[in-house]
Amino acid sequence: MTTEQREGLSLSDTQNLVRIFRALTDESRLRIVHVLMNVDRISVSEIASELEQHISNVSHHLRILRDLGFVKREREGKWIYHSLDDECIEDIMRRALEHVGGK
């Protein structure tokens, strides 16, 4: 066991973990991450359509996910496409789905 493991989490690490798990406690954000896990890239309007949500709501949640480094966006002409930018978040989601018996 390392010294860091014996001493526990630093305040900074704890705060960062809280930010990550808080972001993932929102149903809309979880559903958006799940959509992004299953595509190479997708537009806001396509996500909104798939989730039957307003574009403004999806955009708001995508911004939060982007600010945390979970999602990236790429502009192609007048369109902006989103994709996952964090393999760790995808791994967390896959493991959580396995845990609850999902696919």
PDB file of N, CA and C in Angstrom:
ATOM      1  N   MET A   1       0.851  -1.175   0.000  1.00  0.00           N
ATOM      2  CA  MET A   1       0.000   0.000   0.000  1.00  0.00           C
ATOM      3  C   MET A   1       0.895   1.235   0.000  1.00  0.00           C
ATOM      4  N   THR A   2       0.620   2.182  -0.920  1.00  0.00           N
ATOM      5  CA  THR A   2       1.431   3.389  -1.002  1.00  0.00           C
ATOM      6  C   THR A   2       1.011   4.386   0.070  1.00  0.00           C
ATOM      7  N   THR A   3       1.866   5.379   0.285  1.00  0.00           N
ATOM      8  CA  THR A   3       1.558   6.426   1.254  1.00  0.00           C
ATOM      9  C   THR A   3       0.261   7.127   0.887  1.00  0.00           C
ATOM     10  N   GLU A   4       0.080   7.407  -0.422  1.00  0.00           N
ATOM     11  CA  GLU A   4      -1.143   8.096  -0.858  1.00  0.00           C
ATOM     12  C   GLU A   4      -2.383   7.271  -0.547  1.00  0.00           C
ATOM     13  N   GLN A   5      -2.304   5.943  -0.735  1.00  0.00           N
ATOM     14  CA  GLN A   5      -3.445   5.086  -0.444  1.00  0.00           C
ATOM     15  C   GLN A   5      -3.760   5.092   1.047  1.00  0.00           C
ATOM     16  N   ARG A   6      -2.722   5.123   1.896  1.00  0.00           N
ATOM     17  CA  ARG A   6      -2.940   5.151   3.340  1.00  0.00           C
ATOM     18  C   ARG A   6      -3.523   6.475   3.793  1.00  0.00           C
ATOM     19  N   GLU A   7      -3.110   7.559   3.151  1.00  0.00           N
ATOM     20  CA  GLU A   7      -3.560   8.882   3.565  1.00  0.00           C
ATOM     21  C   GLU A   7      -4.942   9.221   3.025  1.00  0.00           C
ATOM     22  N   GLY A   8      -5.425   8.499   2.046  1.00  0.00           N
ATOM     23  CA  GLY A   8      -6.745   8.766   1.499  1.00  0.00           C
ATOM     24  C   GLY A   8      -6.677   9.752   0.350  1.00  0.00           C
ATOM     25  N   LEU A   9      -7.826  10.199  -0.059  1.00  0.00           N
ATOM     26  CA  LEU A   9      -7.934  11.129  -1.180  1.00  0.00           C
ATOM     27  C   LEU A   9      -7.579  12.546  -0.758  1.00  0.00           C
ATOM     28  N   SER A  10      -6.906  13.253  -1.654  1.00  0.00           N
ATOM     29  CA  SER A  10      -6.658  14.672  -1.393  1.00  0.00           C
ATOM     30  C   SER A  10      -7.973  15.421  -1.592  1.00  0.00           C
ATOM     31  N   LEU A  11      -8.047  16.605  -1.046  1.00  0.00           N
ATOM     32  CA  LEU A  11      -9.242  17.433  -1.198  1.00  0.00           C
ATOM     33  C   LEU A  11      -9.496  17.708  -2.678  1.00  0.00           C
ATOM     34  N   SER A  12      -8.458  17.988  -3.421  1.00  0.00           N
ATOM     35  CA  SER A  12      -8.584  18.274  -4.845  1.00  0.00           C
ATOM     36  C   SER A  12      -9.133  17.069  -5.612  1.00  0.00           C
ATOM     37  N   ASP A  13      -8.581  15.890  -5.340  1.00  0.00           N
ATOM     38  CA  ASP A  13      -9.065  14.676  -5.993  1.00  0.00           C
ATOM     39  C   ASP A  13     -10.513  14.400  -5.624  1.00  0.00           C
ATOM     40  N   THR A  14     -10.847  14.596  -4.368  1.00  0.00           N
ATOM     41  CA  THR A  14     -12.226  14.385  -3.914  1.00  0.00           C
ATOM     42  C   THR A  14     -13.179  15.324  -4.642  1.00  0.00           C
ATOM     43  N   GLN A  15     -12.815  16.586  -4.755  1.00  0.00           N
ATOM     44  CA  GLN A  15     -13.665  17.558  -5.448  1.00  0.00           C
ATOM     45  C   GLN A  15     -13.835  17.201  -6.923  1.00  0.00           C
ATOM     46  N   ASN A  16     -12.764  16.740  -7.548  1.00  0.00           N
ATOM     47  CA  ASN A  16     -12.859  16.343  -8.960  1.00  0.00           C
ATOM     48  C   ASN A  16     -13.747  15.109  -9.132  1.00  0.00           C
ATOM     49  N   LEU A  17     -13.637  14.158  -8.229  1.00  0.00           N
ATOM     50  CA  LEU A  17     -14.508  12.985  -8.282  1.00  0.00           C
ATOM     51  C   LEU A  17     -15.970  13.374  -8.108  1.00  0.00           C
ATOM     52  N   VAL A  18     -16.228  14.274  -7.192  1.00  0.00           N
ATOM     53  CA  VAL A  18     -17.599  14.749  -6.972  1.00  0.00           C
ATOM     54  C   VAL A  18     -18.145  15.402  -8.241  1.00  0.00           C
ATOM     55  N   ARG A  19     -17.337  16.213  -8.914  1.00  0.00           N
ATOM     56  CA  ARG A  19     -17.768  16.846 -10.166  1.00  0.00           C
ATOM     57  C   ARG A  19     -18.125  15.800 -11.214  1.00  0.00           C
ATOM     58  N   ILE A  20     -17.297  14.775 -11.332  1.00  0.00           N
ATOM     59  CA  ILE A  20     -17.556  13.720 -12.315  1.00  0.00           C
ATOM     60  C   ILE A  20     -18.853  12.983 -11.981  1.00  0.00           C
ATOM     61  N   PHE A  21     -18.983  12.539 -10.746  1.00  0.00           N
ATOM     62  CA  PHE A  21     -20.167  11.760 -10.387  1.00  0.00           C
ATOM     63  C   PHE A  21     -21.428  12.613 -10.372  1.00  0.00           C
ATOM     64  N   ARG A  22     -21.321  13.870 -10.013  1.00  0.00           N
ATOM     65  CA  ARG A  22     -22.475  14.768 -10.107  1.00  0.00           C
ATOM     66  C   ARG A  22     -22.955  14.895 -11.546  1.00  0.00           C
ATOM     67  N   ALA A  23     -22.007  15.047 -12.448  1.00  0.00           N
ATOM     68  CA  ALA A  23     -22.360  15.176 -13.862  1.00  0.00           C
ATOM     69  C   ALA A  23     -23.083  13.930 -14.346  1.00  0.00           C
ATOM     70  N   LEU A  24     -22.686  12.785 -13.843  1.00  0.00           N
ATOM     71  CA  LEU A  24     -23.279  11.533 -14.298  1.00  0.00           C
ATOM     72  C   LEU A  24     -24.553  11.149 -13.552  1.00  0.00           C
ATOM     73  N   THR A  25     -24.962  11.937 -12.566  1.00  0.00           N
ATOM     74  CA  THR A  25     -26.211  11.640 -11.866  1.00  0.00           C
ATOM     75  C   THR A  25     -27.421  12.209 -12.588  1.00  0.00           C
ATOM     76  N   ASP A  26     -27.192  13.014 -13.604  1.00  0.00           N
ATOM     77  CA  ASP A  26     -28.299  13.604 -14.353  1.00  0.00           C
ATOM     78  C   ASP A  26     -28.746  12.634 -15.449  1.00  0.00           C
ATOM     79  N   GLU A  27     -30.036  12.322 -15.481  1.00  0.00           N
ATOM     80  CA  GLU A  27     -30.567  11.354 -16.432  1.00  0.00           C
ATOM     81  C   GLU A  27     -30.298  11.759 -17.880  1.00  0.00           C
ATOM     82  N   SER A  28     -30.486  13.030 -18.194  1.00  0.00           N
ATOM     83  CA  SER A  28     -30.256  13.488 -19.572  1.00  0.00           C
ATOM     84  C   SER A  28     -28.801  13.308 -19.982  1.00  0.00           C
ATOM     85  N   ARG A  29     -27.878  13.656 -19.089  1.00  0.00           N
ATOM     86  CA  ARG A  29     -26.460  13.510 -19.428  1.00  0.00           C
ATOM     87  C   ARG A  29     -26.072  12.047 -19.585  1.00  0.00           C
ATOM     88  N   LEU A  30     -26.620  11.176 -18.727  1.00  0.00           N
ATOM     89  CA  LEU A  30     -26.346   9.745 -18.880  1.00  0.00           C
ATOM     90  C   LEU A  30     -26.842   9.243 -20.234  1.00  0.00           C
ATOM     91  N   ARG A  31     -28.027   9.669 -20.619  1.00  0.00           N
ATOM     92  CA  ARG A  31     -28.588   9.235 -21.898  1.00  0.00           C
ATOM     93  C   ARG A  31     -27.774   9.794 -23.066  1.00  0.00           C
ATOM     94  N   ILE A  32     -27.293  11.025 -22.939  1.00  0.00           N
ATOM     95  CA  ILE A  32     -26.456  11.621 -23.995  1.00  0.00           C
ATOM     96  C   ILE A  32     -25.144  10.841 -24.119  1.00  0.00           C
ATOM     97  N   VAL A  33     -24.513  10.542 -22.993  1.00  0.00           N
ATOM     98  CA  VAL A  33     -23.266   9.775 -23.027  1.00  0.00           C
ATOM     99  C   VAL A  33     -23.520   8.415 -23.671  1.00  0.00           C
ATOM    100  N   HIS A  34     -24.634   7.802 -23.350  1.00  0.00           N
ATOM    101  CA  HIS A  34     -24.955   6.502 -23.931  1.00  0.00           C
ATOM    102  C   HIS A  34     -25.113   6.607 -25.450  1.00  0.00           C
ATOM    103  N   VAL A  35     -25.780   7.651 -25.918  1.00  0.00           N
ATOM    104  CA  VAL A  35     -25.910   7.869 -27.365  1.00  0.00           C
ATOM    105  C   VAL A  35     -24.527   8.034 -27.987  1.00  0.00           C
ATOM    106  N   LEU A  36     -23.692   8.845 -27.359  1.00  0.00           N
ATOM    107  CA  LEU A  36     -22.362   9.106 -27.904  1.00  0.00           C
ATOM    108  C   LEU A  36     -21.481   7.856 -27.913  1.00  0.00           C
ATOM    109  N   MET A  37     -21.743   6.936 -27.017  1.00  0.00           N
ATOM    110  CA  MET A  37     -20.973   5.693 -26.978  1.00  0.00           C
ATOM    111  C   MET A  37     -21.231   4.838 -28.214  1.00  0.00           C
ATOM    112  N   ASN A  38     -22.369   5.049 -28.841  1.00  0.00           N
ATOM    113  CA  ASN A  38     -22.799   4.181 -29.934  1.00  0.00           C
ATOM    114  C   ASN A  38     -22.672   4.801 -31.318  1.00  0.00           C
ATOM    115  N   VAL A  39     -22.023   5.949 -31.407  1.00  0.00           N
ATOM    116  CA  VAL A  39     -21.819   6.610 -32.698  1.00  0.00           C
ATOM    117  C   VAL A  39     -20.399   7.164 -32.762  1.00  0.00           C
ATOM    118  N   ASP A  40     -19.923   7.416 -33.981  1.00  0.00           N
ATOM    119  CA  ASP A  40     -18.625   8.076 -34.132  1.00  0.00           C
ATOM    120  C   ASP A  40     -18.747   9.552 -33.803  1.00  0.00           C
ATOM    121  N   ARG A  41     -19.814  10.157 -34.325  1.00  0.00           N
ATOM    122  CA  ARG A  41     -20.099  11.572 -34.053  1.00  0.00           C
ATOM    123  C   ARG A  41     -21.551  11.831 -34.408  1.00  0.00           C
ATOM    124  N   ILE A  42     -22.116  12.875 -33.801  1.00  0.00           N
ATOM    125  CA  ILE A  42     -23.537  13.140 -33.972  1.00  0.00           C
ATOM    126  C   ILE A  42     -23.808  14.616 -33.692  1.00  0.00           C
ATOM    127  N   SER A  43     -24.808  15.163 -34.357  1.00  0.00           N
ATOM    128  CA  SER A  43     -25.165  16.573 -34.149  1.00  0.00           C
ATOM    129  C   SER A  43     -26.127  16.710 -32.970  1.00  0.00           C
ATOM    130  N   VAL A  44     -26.241  17.926 -32.465  1.00  0.00           N
ATOM    131  CA  VAL A  44     -27.153  18.206 -31.356  1.00  0.00           C
ATOM    132  C   VAL A  44     -28.577  17.856 -31.754  1.00  0.00           C
ATOM    133  N   SER A  45     -28.965  18.236 -32.961  1.00  0.00           N
ATOM    134  CA  SER A  45     -30.344  17.979 -33.384  1.00  0.00           C
ATOM    135  C   SER A  45     -30.630  16.484 -33.476  1.00  0.00           C
ATOM    136  N   GLU A  46     -29.644  15.694 -33.881  1.00  0.00           N
ATOM    137  CA  GLU A  46     -29.841  14.238 -33.946  1.00  0.00           C
ATOM    138  C   GLU A  46     -29.967  13.642 -32.540  1.00  0.00           C
ATOM    139  N   ILE A  47     -29.162  14.145 -31.603  1.00  0.00           N
ATOM    140  CA  ILE A  47     -29.266  13.678 -30.210  1.00  0.00           C
ATOM    141  C   ILE A  47     -30.634  14.049 -29.655  1.00  0.00           C
ATOM    142  N   ALA A  48     -31.035  15.289 -29.876  1.00  0.00           N
ATOM    143  CA  ALA A  48     -32.328  15.769 -29.374  1.00  0.00           C
ATOM    144  C   ALA A  48     -33.471  14.922 -29.924  1.00  0.00           C
ATOM    145  N   SER A  49     -33.393  14.613 -31.198  1.00  0.00           N
ATOM    146  CA  SER A  49     -34.435  13.795 -31.823  1.00  0.00           C
ATOM    147  C   SER A  49     -34.465  12.394 -31.218  1.00  0.00           C
ATOM    148  N   GLU A  50     -33.307  11.801 -31.070  1.00  0.00           N
ATOM    149  CA  GLU A  50     -33.232  10.445 -30.527  1.00  0.00           C
ATOM    150  C   GLU A  50     -33.746  10.375 -29.096  1.00  0.00           C
ATOM    151  N   LEU A  51     -33.444  11.411 -28.302  1.00  0.00           N
ATOM    152  CA  LEU A  51     -33.846  11.420 -26.894  1.00  0.00           C
ATOM    153  C   LEU A  51     -35.184  12.099 -26.659  1.00  0.00           C
ATOM    154  N   GLU A  52     -35.788  12.622 -27.742  1.00  0.00           N
ATOM    155  CA  GLU A  52     -37.052  13.353 -27.658  1.00  0.00           C
ATOM    156  C   GLU A  52     -36.963  14.491 -26.641  1.00  0.00           C
ATOM    157  N   GLN A  53     -35.905  15.294 -26.800  1.00  0.00           N
ATOM    158  CA  GLN A  53     -35.678  16.460 -25.949  1.00  0.00           C
ATOM    159  C   GLN A  53     -35.490  17.687 -26.824  1.00  0.00           C
ATOM    160  N   HIS A  54     -35.617  18.848 -26.227  1.00  0.00           N
ATOM    161  CA  HIS A  54     -35.388  20.096 -26.949  1.00  0.00           C
ATOM    162  C   HIS A  54     -33.893  20.273 -27.206  1.00  0.00           C
ATOM    163  N   ILE A  55     -33.579  20.853 -28.347  1.00  0.00           N
ATOM    164  CA  ILE A  55     -32.183  21.098 -28.715  1.00  0.00           C
ATOM    165  C   ILE A  55     -31.476  21.930 -27.653  1.00  0.00           C
ATOM    166  N   SER A  56     -32.170  22.934 -27.113  1.00  0.00           N
ATOM    167  CA  SER A  56     -31.534  23.792 -26.105  1.00  0.00           C
ATOM    168  C   SER A  56     -31.162  23.001 -24.853  1.00  0.00           C
ATOM    169  N   ASN A  57     -31.989  22.052 -24.464  1.00  0.00           N
ATOM    170  CA  ASN A  57     -31.701  21.209 -23.303  1.00  0.00           C
ATOM    171  C   ASN A  57     -30.475  20.329 -23.567  1.00  0.00           C
ATOM    172  N   VAL A  58     -30.435  19.714 -24.734  1.00  0.00           N
ATOM    173  CA  VAL A  58     -29.303  18.862 -25.097  1.00  0.00           C
ATOM    174  C   VAL A  58     -28.024  19.683 -25.171  1.00  0.00           C
ATOM    175  N   SER A  59     -28.105  20.869 -25.760  1.00  0.00           N
ATOM    176  CA  SER A  59     -26.934  21.749 -25.859  1.00  0.00           C
ATOM    177  C   SER A  59     -26.391  22.101 -24.482  1.00  0.00           C
ATOM    178  N   HIS A  60     -27.286  22.392 -23.557  1.00  0.00           N
ATOM    179  CA  HIS A  60     -26.892  22.726 -22.187  1.00  0.00           C
ATOM    180  C   HIS A  60     -26.111  21.563 -21.556  1.00  0.00           C
ATOM    181  N   HIS A  61     -26.631  20.363 -21.697  1.00  0.00           N
ATOM    182  CA  HIS A  61     -25.975  19.195 -21.103  1.00  0.00           C
ATOM    183  C   HIS A  61     -24.660  18.873 -21.817  1.00  0.00           C
ATOM    184  N   LEU A  62     -24.623  19.050 -23.126  1.00  0.00           N
ATOM    185  CA  LEU A  62     -23.374  18.828 -23.865  1.00  0.00           C
ATOM    186  C   LEU A  62     -22.286  19.799 -23.408  1.00  0.00           C
ATOM    187  N   ARG A  63     -22.669  21.035 -23.115  1.00  0.00           N
ATOM    188  CA  ARG A  63     -21.684  22.016 -22.634  1.00  0.00           C
ATOM    189  C   ARG A  63     -21.080  21.564 -21.315  1.00  0.00           C
ATOM    190  N   ILE A  64     -21.910  21.065 -20.419  1.00  0.00           N
ATOM    191  CA  ILE A  64     -21.418  20.573 -19.132  1.00  0.00           C
ATOM    192  C   ILE A  64     -20.457  19.402 -19.349  1.00  0.00           C
ATOM    193  N   LEU A  65     -20.847  18.480 -20.209  1.00  0.00           N
ATOM    194  CA  LEU A  65     -19.994  17.322 -20.501  1.00  0.00           C
ATOM    195  C   LEU A  65     -18.698  17.736 -21.187  1.00  0.00           C
ATOM    196  N   ARG A  66     -18.777  18.752 -22.040  1.00  0.00           N
ATOM    197  CA  ARG A  66     -17.579  19.279 -22.716  1.00  0.00           C
ATOM    198  C   ARG A  66     -16.654  19.954 -21.711  1.00  0.00           C
ATOM    199  N   ASP A  67     -17.223  20.745 -20.812  1.00  0.00           N
ATOM    200  CA  ASP A  67     -16.426  21.449 -19.798  1.00  0.00           C
ATOM    201  C   ASP A  67     -15.659  20.473 -18.907  1.00  0.00           C
ATOM    202  N   LEU A  68     -16.201  19.277 -18.719  1.00  0.00           N
ATOM    203  CA  LEU A  68     -15.535  18.257 -17.912  1.00  0.00           C
ATOM    204  C   LEU A  68     -14.547  17.430 -18.724  1.00  0.00           C
ATOM    205  N   GLY A  69     -14.516  17.663 -20.032  1.00  0.00           N
ATOM    206  CA  GLY A  69     -13.591  16.935 -20.890  1.00  0.00           C
ATOM    207  C   GLY A  69     -14.112  15.589 -21.360  1.00  0.00           C
ATOM    208  N   PHE A  70     -15.402  15.328 -21.165  1.00  0.00           N
ATOM    209  CA  PHE A  70     -15.991  14.055 -21.566  1.00  0.00           C
ATOM    210  C   PHE A  70     -16.317  14.023 -23.053  1.00  0.00           C
ATOM    211  N   VAL A  71     -16.622  15.192 -23.606  1.00  0.00           N
ATOM    212  CA  VAL A  71     -17.135  15.297 -24.976  1.00  0.00           C
ATOM    213  C   VAL A  71     -16.323  16.335 -25.735  1.00  0.00           C
ATOM    214  N   LYS A  72     -16.128  16.084 -27.021  1.00  0.00           N
ATOM    215  CA  LYS A  72     -15.491  17.075 -27.885  1.00  0.00           C
ATOM    216  C   LYS A  72     -16.447  17.399 -29.022  1.00  0.00           C
ATOM    217  N   ARG A  73     -16.187  18.522 -29.657  1.00  0.00           N
ATOM    218  CA  ARG A  73     -17.015  18.891 -30.803  1.00  0.00           C
ATOM    219  C   ARG A  73     -16.116  19.287 -31.961  1.00  0.00           C
ATOM    220  N   GLU A  74     -16.630  19.018 -33.148  1.00  0.00           N
ATOM    221  CA  GLU A  74     -15.908  19.349 -34.373  1.00  0.00           C
ATOM    222  C   GLU A  74     -16.869  20.055 -35.318  1.00  0.00           C
ATOM    223  N   ARG A  75     -16.377  21.129 -35.908  1.00  0.00           N
ATOM    224  CA  ARG A  75     -17.193  21.865 -36.871  1.00  0.00           C
ATOM    225  C   ARG A  75     -16.890  21.345 -38.269  1.00  0.00           C
ATOM    226  N   GLU A  76     -17.960  21.118 -39.019  1.00  0.00           N
ATOM    227  CA  GLU A  76     -17.847  20.741 -40.417  1.00  0.00           C
ATOM    228  C   GLU A  76     -18.832  21.615 -41.191  1.00  0.00           C
ATOM    229  N   GLY A  77     -18.307  22.658 -41.812  1.00  0.00           N
ATOM    230  CA  GLY A  77     -19.188  23.630 -42.462  1.00  0.00           C
ATOM    231  C   GLY A  77     -20.011  24.337 -41.407  1.00  0.00           C
ATOM    232  N   LYS A  78     -21.328  24.330 -41.585  1.00  0.00           N
ATOM    233  CA  LYS A  78     -22.191  24.980 -40.591  1.00  0.00           C
ATOM    234  C   LYS A  78     -22.647  24.019 -39.494  1.00  0.00           C
ATOM    235  N   TRP A  79     -22.265  22.751 -39.603  1.00  0.00           N
ATOM    236  CA  TRP A  79     -22.677  21.754 -38.629  1.00  0.00           C
ATOM    237  C   TRP A  79     -21.594  21.521 -37.580  1.00  0.00           C
ATOM    238  N   ILE A  80     -22.039  21.248 -36.364  1.00  0.00           N
ATOM    239  CA  ILE A  80     -21.128  20.883 -35.279  1.00  0.00           C
ATOM    240  C   ILE A  80     -21.499  19.477 -34.837  1.00  0.00           C
ATOM    241  N   TYR A  81     -20.493  18.626 -34.805  1.00  0.00           N
ATOM    242  CA  TYR A  81     -20.700  17.231 -34.411  1.00  0.00           C
ATOM    243  C   TYR A  81     -20.008  16.966 -33.083  1.00  0.00           C
ATOM    244  N   HIS A  82     -20.634  16.129 -32.287  1.00  0.00           N
ATOM    245  CA  HIS A  82     -20.125  15.803 -30.951  1.00  0.00           C
ATOM    246  C   HIS A  82     -19.744  14.335 -30.887  1.00  0.00           C
ATOM    247  N   SER A  83     -18.737  14.058 -30.063  1.00  0.00           N
ATOM    248  CA  SER A  83     -18.315  12.682 -29.831  1.00  0.00           C
ATOM    249  C   SER A  83     -17.678  12.593 -28.447  1.00  0.00           C
ATOM    250  N   LEU A  84     -17.581  11.370 -27.944  1.00  0.00           N
ATOM    251  CA  LEU A  84     -16.923  11.178 -26.653  1.00  0.00           C
ATOM    252  C   LEU A  84     -15.439  11.469 -26.795  1.00  0.00           C
ATOM    253  N   ASP A  85     -14.873  12.062 -25.760  1.00  0.00           N
ATOM    254  CA  ASP A  85     -13.455  12.423 -25.777  1.00  0.00           C
ATOM    255  C   ASP A  85     -12.746  11.894 -24.533  1.00  0.00           C
ATOM    256  N   ASP A  86     -13.355  10.895 -23.885  1.00  0.00           N
ATOM    257  CA  ASP A  86     -12.783  10.377 -22.648  1.00  0.00           C
ATOM    258  C   ASP A  86     -13.108   8.893 -22.535  1.00  0.00           C
ATOM    259  N   GLU A  87     -12.115   8.054 -22.789  1.00  0.00           N
ATOM    260  CA  GLU A  87     -12.325   6.603 -22.727  1.00  0.00           C
ATOM    261  C   GLU A  87     -12.717   6.150 -21.322  1.00  0.00           C
ATOM    262  N   CYS A  88     -12.278   6.868 -20.315  1.00  0.00           N
ATOM    263  CA  CYS A  88     -12.579   6.505 -18.935  1.00  0.00           C
ATOM    264  C   CYS A  88     -14.086   6.595 -18.673  1.00  0.00           C
ATOM    265  N   ILE A  89     -14.721   7.645 -19.158  1.00  0.00           N
ATOM    266  CA  ILE A  89     -16.164   7.809 -18.959  1.00  0.00           C
ATOM    267  C   ILE A  89     -16.915   6.693 -19.672  1.00  0.00           C
ATOM    268  N   GLU A  90     -16.460   6.355 -20.871  1.00  0.00           N
ATOM    269  CA  GLU A  90     -17.085   5.239 -21.587  1.00  0.00           C
ATOM    270  C   GLU A  90     -16.917   3.943 -20.799  1.00  0.00           C
ATOM    271  N   ASP A  91     -15.747   3.731 -20.218  1.00  0.00           N
ATOM    272  CA  ASP A  91     -15.502   2.540 -19.416  1.00  0.00           C
ATOM    273  C   ASP A  91     -16.398   2.514 -18.180  1.00  0.00           C
ATOM    274  N   ILE A  92     -16.531   3.651 -17.507  1.00  0.00           N
ATOM    275  CA  ILE A  92     -17.407   3.749 -16.330  1.00  0.00           C
ATOM    276  C   ILE A  92     -18.841   3.390 -16.722  1.00  0.00           C
ATOM    277  N   MET A  93     -19.313   3.937 -17.848  1.00  0.00           N
ATOM    278  CA  MET A  93     -20.674   3.662 -18.303  1.00  0.00           C
ATOM    279  C   MET A  93     -20.852   2.184 -18.634  1.00  0.00           C
ATOM    280  N   ARG A  94     -19.906   1.621 -19.371  1.00  0.00           N
ATOM    281  CA  ARG A  94     -20.023   0.196 -19.739  1.00  0.00           C
ATOM    282  C   ARG A  94     -20.038  -0.698 -18.487  1.00  0.00           C
ATOM    283  N   ARG A  95     -19.176  -0.392 -17.550  1.00  0.00           N
ATOM    284  CA  ARG A  95     -19.138  -1.200 -16.320  1.00  0.00           C
ATOM    285  C   ARG A  95     -20.422  -1.030 -15.510  1.00  0.00           C
ATOM    286  N   ALA A  96     -20.944   0.183 -15.447  1.00  0.00           N
ATOM    287  CA  ALA A  96     -22.195   0.428 -14.728  1.00  0.00           C
ATOM    288  C   ALA A  96     -23.349  -0.319 -15.398  1.00  0.00           C
ATOM    289  N   LEU A  97     -23.376  -0.294 -16.739  1.00  0.00           N
ATOM    290  CA  LEU A  97     -24.423  -1.017 -17.456  1.00  0.00           C
ATOM    291  C   LEU A  97     -24.326  -2.524 -17.210  1.00  0.00           C
ATOM    292  N   GLU A  98     -23.097  -3.042 -17.200  1.00  0.00           N
ATOM    293  CA  GLU A  98     -22.897  -4.459 -16.900  1.00  0.00           C
ATOM    294  C   GLU A  98     -23.383  -4.773 -15.475  1.00  0.00           C
ATOM    295  N   HIS A  99     -23.093  -3.871 -14.573  1.00  0.00           N
ATOM    296  CA  HIS A  99     -23.461  -4.062 -13.171  1.00  0.00           C
ATOM    297  C   HIS A  99     -24.976  -4.145 -12.988  1.00  0.00           C
ATOM    298  N   VAL A 100     -25.710  -3.324 -13.728  1.00  0.00           N
ATOM    299  CA  VAL A 100     -27.176  -3.319 -13.598  1.00  0.00           C
ATOM    300  C   VAL A 100     -27.839  -4.296 -14.573  1.00  0.00           C
ATOM    301  N   GLY A 101     -27.016  -5.025 -15.343  1.00  0.00           N
ATOM    302  CA  GLY A 101     -27.558  -6.030 -16.241  1.00  0.00           C
ATOM    303  C   GLY A 101     -27.969  -5.498 -17.596  1.00  0.00           C
ATOM    304  N   GLY A 102     -27.526  -4.276 -17.940  1.00  0.00           N
ATOM    305  CA  GLY A 102     -27.831  -3.698 -19.239  1.00  0.00           C
ATOM    306  C   GLY A 102     -26.900  -4.209 -20.298  1.00  0.00           C
ATOM    307  N   LYS A 103     -27.016  -3.605 -21.457  1.00  0.00           N
ATOM    308  CA  LYS A 103     -26.199  -4.028 -22.589  1.00  0.00           C
ATOM    309  C   LYS A 103     -25.009  -3.118 -22.784  1.00  0.00           C
TER     310      LYS A 103
END
